[in-house]
C-alpha atoms as a PDB file:
ATOM      1  CA  MET A   1      60.995-122.176 -66.535  1.00  0.00           C
ATOM      2  CA  THR A   2      64.229-122.934 -64.762  1.00  0.00           C
ATOM      3  CA  LYS A   3      66.623-120.503 -63.423  1.00  0.00           C
ATOM      4  CA  SER A   4      69.011-121.261 -66.360  1.00  0.00           C
ATOM      5  CA  GLU A   5      66.379-120.538 -68.774  1.00  0.00           C
ATOM      6  CA  HIS A   6      65.405-117.572 -67.281  1.00  0.00           C
ATOM      7  CA  TYR A   7      68.970-116.225 -67.472  1.00  0.00           C
ATOM      8  CA  THR A   8      69.072-117.207 -71.074  1.00  0.00           C
ATOM      9  CA  ALA A   9      65.861-115.705 -71.961  1.00  0.00           C
ATOM     10  CA  LEU A  10      67.081-112.220 -70.091  1.00  0.00           C
ATOM     11  CA  CYS A  11      70.381-112.179 -72.415  1.00  0.00           C
ATOM     12  CA  ASN A  12      68.259-112.949 -75.389  1.00  0.00           C
ATOM     13  CA  MET A  13      65.726-109.744 -74.315  1.00  0.00           C
ATOM     14  CA  TYR A  14      69.019-107.688 -73.898  1.00  0.00           C
ATOM     15  CA  ARG A  15      70.609-108.614 -77.151  1.00  0.00           C
ATOM     16  CA  ALA A  16      67.057-107.720 -78.838  1.00  0.00           C
ATOM     17  CA  ALA A  17      66.860-104.382 -77.526  1.00  0.00           C
ATOM     18  CA  PRO A  18      67.184-101.840 -80.484  1.00  0.00           C
ATOM     19  CA  ILE A  19      69.650 -99.649 -78.305  1.00  0.00           C
ATOM     20  CA  ASN A  20      72.168-102.729 -78.408  1.00  0.00           C
ATOM     21  CA  ALA A  21      72.518-102.351 -82.194  1.00  0.00           C
ATOM     22  CA  ILE A  22      74.741 -99.432 -81.098  1.00  0.00           C
ATOM     23  CA  PHE A  23      76.559-101.229 -78.644  1.00  0.00           C
ATOM     24  CA  PRO A  24      76.675-104.925 -79.617  1.00  0.00           C
ATOM     25  CA  PRO A  25      77.227-106.497 -76.321  1.00  0.00           C
ATOM     26  CA  ARG A  26      78.330-109.853 -74.663  1.00  0.00           C
ATOM     27  CA  ILE A  27      76.496-110.728 -71.475  1.00  0.00           C
ATOM     28  CA  GLU A  28      76.397-113.282 -68.948  1.00  0.00           C
ATOM     29  CA  ILE A  29      74.003-113.478 -66.169  1.00  0.00           C
ATOM     30  CA  GLU A  30      73.481-115.750 -62.946  1.00  0.00           C
ATOM     31  CA  GLU A  31      71.636-115.349 -59.939  1.00  0.00           C
ATOM     32  CA  GLY A  32      72.408-111.897 -58.618  1.00  0.00           C
ATOM     33  CA  ALA A  33      75.040-110.971 -60.917  1.00  0.00           C
ATOM     34  CA  CYS A  34      75.950-110.000 -64.513  1.00  0.00           C
ATOM     35  CA  THR A  35      78.799-109.137 -66.656  1.00  0.00           C
ATOM     36  CA  ILE A  36      78.710-107.242 -69.907  1.00  0.00           C
ATOM     37  CA  GLU A  37      81.449-106.520 -72.366  1.00  0.00           C
ATOM     38  CA  ILE A  38      81.571-104.243 -75.389  1.00  0.00           C
ATOM     39  CA  ASP A  39      84.242-103.105 -77.870  1.00  0.00           C
ATOM     40  CA  LEU A  40      84.951 -99.350 -77.624  1.00  0.00           C
ATOM     41  CA  LYS A  41      84.467 -97.543 -80.988  1.00  0.00           C
ATOM     42  CA  PRO A  42      85.994 -94.070 -81.959  1.00  0.00           C
ATOM     43  CA  GLU A  43      81.991 -93.194 -82.354  1.00  0.00           C
ATOM     44  CA  TYR A  44      81.414 -93.536 -78.604  1.00  0.00           C
ATOM     45  CA  CYS A  45      83.758 -90.695 -78.192  1.00  0.00           C
ATOM     46  CA  HIS A  46      83.350 -86.893 -77.108  1.00  0.00           C
ATOM     47  CA  SER A  47      85.076 -84.077 -78.628  1.00  0.00           C
ATOM     48  CA  ALA A  48      88.554 -84.713 -76.423  1.00  0.00           C
ATOM     49  CA  GLY A  49      88.576 -88.391 -77.542  1.00  0.00           C
ATOM     50  CA  GLY A  50      87.459 -90.137 -74.483  1.00  0.00           C
ATOM     51  CA  THR A  51      84.513 -92.402 -74.166  1.00  0.00           C
ATOM     52  CA  HIS A  52      81.314 -90.454 -73.358  1.00  0.00           C
ATOM     53  CA  GLY A  53      80.092 -91.004 -69.920  1.00  0.00           C
ATOM     54  CA  SER A  54      76.705 -92.198 -71.273  1.00  0.00           C
ATOM     55  CA  VAL A  55      78.716 -95.276 -72.502  1.00  0.00           C
ATOM     56  CA  TYR A  56      79.825 -95.906 -68.620  1.00  0.00           C
ATOM     57  CA  PHE A  57      76.568 -95.601 -67.532  1.00  0.00           C
ATOM     58  CA  LYS A  58      74.774 -97.728 -69.683  1.00  0.00           C
ATOM     59  CA  LEU A  59      77.183-100.774 -68.840  1.00  0.00           C
ATOM     60  CA  LEU A  60      76.993-100.098 -65.240  1.00  0.00           C
ATOM     61  CA  ASP A  61      73.346 -99.477 -65.310  1.00  0.00           C
ATOM     62  CA  ASP A  62      72.545-102.424 -67.556  1.00  0.00           C
ATOM     63  CA  THR A  63      74.789-104.852 -65.682  1.00  0.00           C
ATOM     64  CA  ALA A  64      72.997-103.974 -62.363  1.00  0.00           C
ATOM     65  CA  PHE A  65      69.687-103.929 -63.893  1.00  0.00           C
ATOM     66  CA  PHE A  66      70.271-107.462 -64.916  1.00  0.00           C
ATOM     67  CA  ALA A  67      71.606-108.473 -61.828  1.00  0.00           C
ATOM     68  CA  ALA A  68      68.472-107.403 -60.217  1.00  0.00           C
ATOM     69  CA  ASN A  69      66.206-109.266 -63.063  1.00  0.00           C
ATOM     70  CA  SER A  70      67.657-112.565 -62.318  1.00  0.00           C
ATOM     71  CA  PHE A  71      66.007-112.811 -59.261  1.00  0.00           C
ATOM     72  CA  GLU A  72      62.647-111.704 -60.974  1.00  0.00           C
ATOM     73  CA  ASP A  73      60.969-113.838 -63.473  1.00  0.00           C
ATOM     74  CA  GLU A  74      57.736-112.456 -64.073  1.00  0.00           C
ATOM     75  CA  VAL A  75      58.030-108.675 -64.638  1.00  0.00           C
ATOM     76  CA  PHE A  76      60.662-106.207 -66.025  1.00  0.00           C
ATOM     77  CA  VAL A  77      62.605-104.456 -63.287  1.00  0.00           C
ATOM     78  CA  LEU A  78      63.065-100.479 -63.210  1.00  0.00           C
ATOM     79  CA  THR A  79      65.779 -98.450 -62.384  1.00  0.00           C
ATOM     80  CA  THR A  80      64.598 -95.745 -59.923  1.00  0.00           C
ATOM     81  CA  SER A  81      68.089 -94.216 -59.059  1.00  0.00           C
ATOM     82  CA  PHE A  82      71.670 -94.438 -60.337  1.00  0.00           C
ATOM     83  CA  THR A  83      74.902 -93.038 -59.262  1.00  0.00           C
ATOM     84  CA  THR A  84      77.793 -93.166 -61.479  1.00  0.00           C
ATOM     85  CA  TYR A  85      81.409 -92.333 -60.851  1.00  0.00           C
ATOM     86  CA  ILE A  86      83.942 -92.310 -63.406  1.00  0.00           C
ATOM     87  CA  THR A  87      87.412 -92.892 -62.329  1.00  0.00           C
ATOM     88  CA  ARG A  88      89.726 -93.281 -65.200  1.00  0.00           C
ATOM     89  CA  PRO A  89      89.127 -92.063 -68.907  1.00  0.00           C
ATOM     90  CA  VAL A  90      89.266 -94.613 -71.747  1.00  0.00           C
ATOM     91  CA  SER A  91      88.840 -94.624 -75.589  1.00  0.00           C
ATOM     92  CA  GLU A  92      89.662 -98.086 -76.821  1.00  0.00           C
ATOM     93  CA  GLY A  93      89.920-101.647 -76.283  1.00  0.00           C
ATOM     94  CA  ILE A  94      87.029-103.337 -74.490  1.00  0.00           C
ATOM     95  CA  MET A  95      84.912-102.033 -71.625  1.00  0.00           C
ATOM     96  CA  ARG A  96      83.715-104.816 -69.228  1.00  0.00           C
ATOM     97  CA  ALA A  97      81.149-104.282 -66.441  1.00  0.00           C
ATOM     98  CA  HIS A  98      79.945-106.713 -63.682  1.00  0.00           C
ATOM     99  CA  GLY A  99      76.988-105.921 -61.338  1.00  0.00           C
ATOM    100  CA  ARG A 100      75.855-107.832 -58.444  1.00  0.00           C
ATOM    101  CA  ILE A 101      73.045-107.349 -56.022  1.00  0.00           C
ATOM    102  CA  VAL A 102      74.076-106.257 -52.668  1.00  0.00           C
ATOM    103  CA  ASN A 103      70.560-105.884 -50.941  1.00  0.00           C
ATOM    104  CA  LYS A 104      67.292-106.956 -51.602  1.00  0.00           C
ATOM    105  CA  ASN A 105      63.796-107.025 -50.000  1.00  0.00           C
ATOM    106  CA  ARG A 106      60.112-107.428 -50.817  1.00  0.00           C
ATOM    107  CA  THR A 107      60.068-104.422 -52.766  1.00  0.00           C
ATOM    108  CA  GLN A 108      63.440-103.301 -54.271  1.00  0.00           C
ATOM    109  CA  PHE A 109      66.811-104.450 -55.103  1.00  0.00           C
ATOM    110  CA  ILE A 110      70.228-102.445 -54.426  1.00  0.00           C
ATOM    111  CA  ALA A 111      72.990-103.196 -56.809  1.00  0.00           C
ATOM    112  CA  GLU A 112      76.397-102.064 -57.261  1.00  0.00           C
ATOM    113  CA  SER A 113      78.519-102.177 -60.617  1.00  0.00           C
ATOM    114  CA  VAL A 114      82.259-101.822 -61.447  1.00  0.00           C
ATOM    115  CA  ALA A 115      83.455-101.335 -65.028  1.00  0.00           C
ATOM    116  CA  TYR A 116      86.888-102.353 -65.879  1.00  0.00           C
ATOM    117  CA  ASP A 117      89.167-101.313 -68.984  1.00  0.00           C
ATOM    118  CA  GLN A 118      91.034-104.112 -71.252  1.00  0.00           C
ATOM    119  CA  GLN A 119      93.930-104.400 -68.702  1.00  0.00           C
ATOM    120  CA  GLY A 120      91.503-105.016 -65.897  1.00  0.00           C
ATOM    121  CA  ARG A 121      92.019-101.793 -64.491  1.00  0.00           C
ATOM    122  CA  GLU A 122      88.917-100.001 -62.548  1.00  0.00           C
ATOM    123  CA  ILE A 123      87.385 -96.993 -64.730  1.00  0.00           C
ATOM    124  CA  ALA A 124      83.847 -96.483 -63.308  1.00  0.00           C
ATOM    125  CA  ARG A 125      81.612 -97.756 -60.617  1.00  0.00           C
ATOM    126  CA  GLY A 126      78.059 -97.318 -59.892  1.00  0.00           C
ATOM    127  CA  SER A 127      75.158 -98.188 -57.368  1.00  0.00           C
ATOM    128  CA  GLY A 128      71.534 -98.174 -57.848  1.00  0.00           C
ATOM    129  CA  ILE A 129      68.069 -98.890 -56.657  1.00  0.00           C
ATOM    130  CA  PHE A 130      65.399-101.088 -58.864  1.00  0.00           C
ATOM    131  CA  VAL A 131      62.314-102.166 -58.299  1.00  0.00           C
ATOM    132  CA  ARG A 132      59.452-104.756 -59.917  1.00  0.00           C
ATOM    133  CA  GLY A 133      57.683-103.056 -62.802  1.00  0.00           C
ATOM    134  CA  LYS A 134      54.363-103.847 -64.140  1.00  0.00           C
ATOM    135  CA  TYR A 135      55.443-104.796 -67.532  1.00  0.00           C
ATOM    136  CA  PRO A 136      55.344-108.760 -68.129  1.00  0.00           C
ATOM    137  CA  LEU A 137      58.832-110.490 -69.135  1.00  0.00           C
ATOM    138  CA  LYS A 138      56.868-112.425 -71.342  1.00  0.00           C
ATOM    139  CA  ASP A 139      55.965-109.602 -73.534  1.00  0.00           C
ATOM    140  CA  ALA A 140      59.385-107.951 -73.564  1.00  0.00           C
ATOM    141  CA  MET A 141      61.152-108.020 -77.029  1.00  0.00           C
ATOM    142  CA  GLY A 142      63.284-111.157 -77.144  1.00  0.00           C
ATOM    143  CA  TYR A 143      62.494-112.675 -73.947  1.00  0.00           C
ATOM    144  CA  GLY A 144      62.036-116.370 -73.928  1.00  0.00           C
ATOM    145  CA  LEU A 145      63.622-116.751 -77.529  1.00  0.00           C
END
């Protein structure tokens, strides 16, 4: 499988994940980087009207995860830790996150992600550590379609 085919298979895997029926995403992957966009909906908001922190976390973690998995074409990578900083509340429009690998070695990947609102203002950032798991990508839902 070429790198381009691997990135396409990862995008298919992401779209096939049942959780993404809730957050219909648009995703792009390249070597060491990933961008995901979602349209914000009122059902993503907490009682004060802002988008719930879990939505910020999901996009930040997902973009970092796929940036890491872009380097790994045999197994699913795993998030071992992820820190999120929400810097600006949003409640409508588009949320776009971009993740990239900032360090990798034989056992782990370190990735950073930044999320933006529709006007391009930073709304959150995060960083995490990812490791190679044991679950074969070929067995993951949607991979390789």
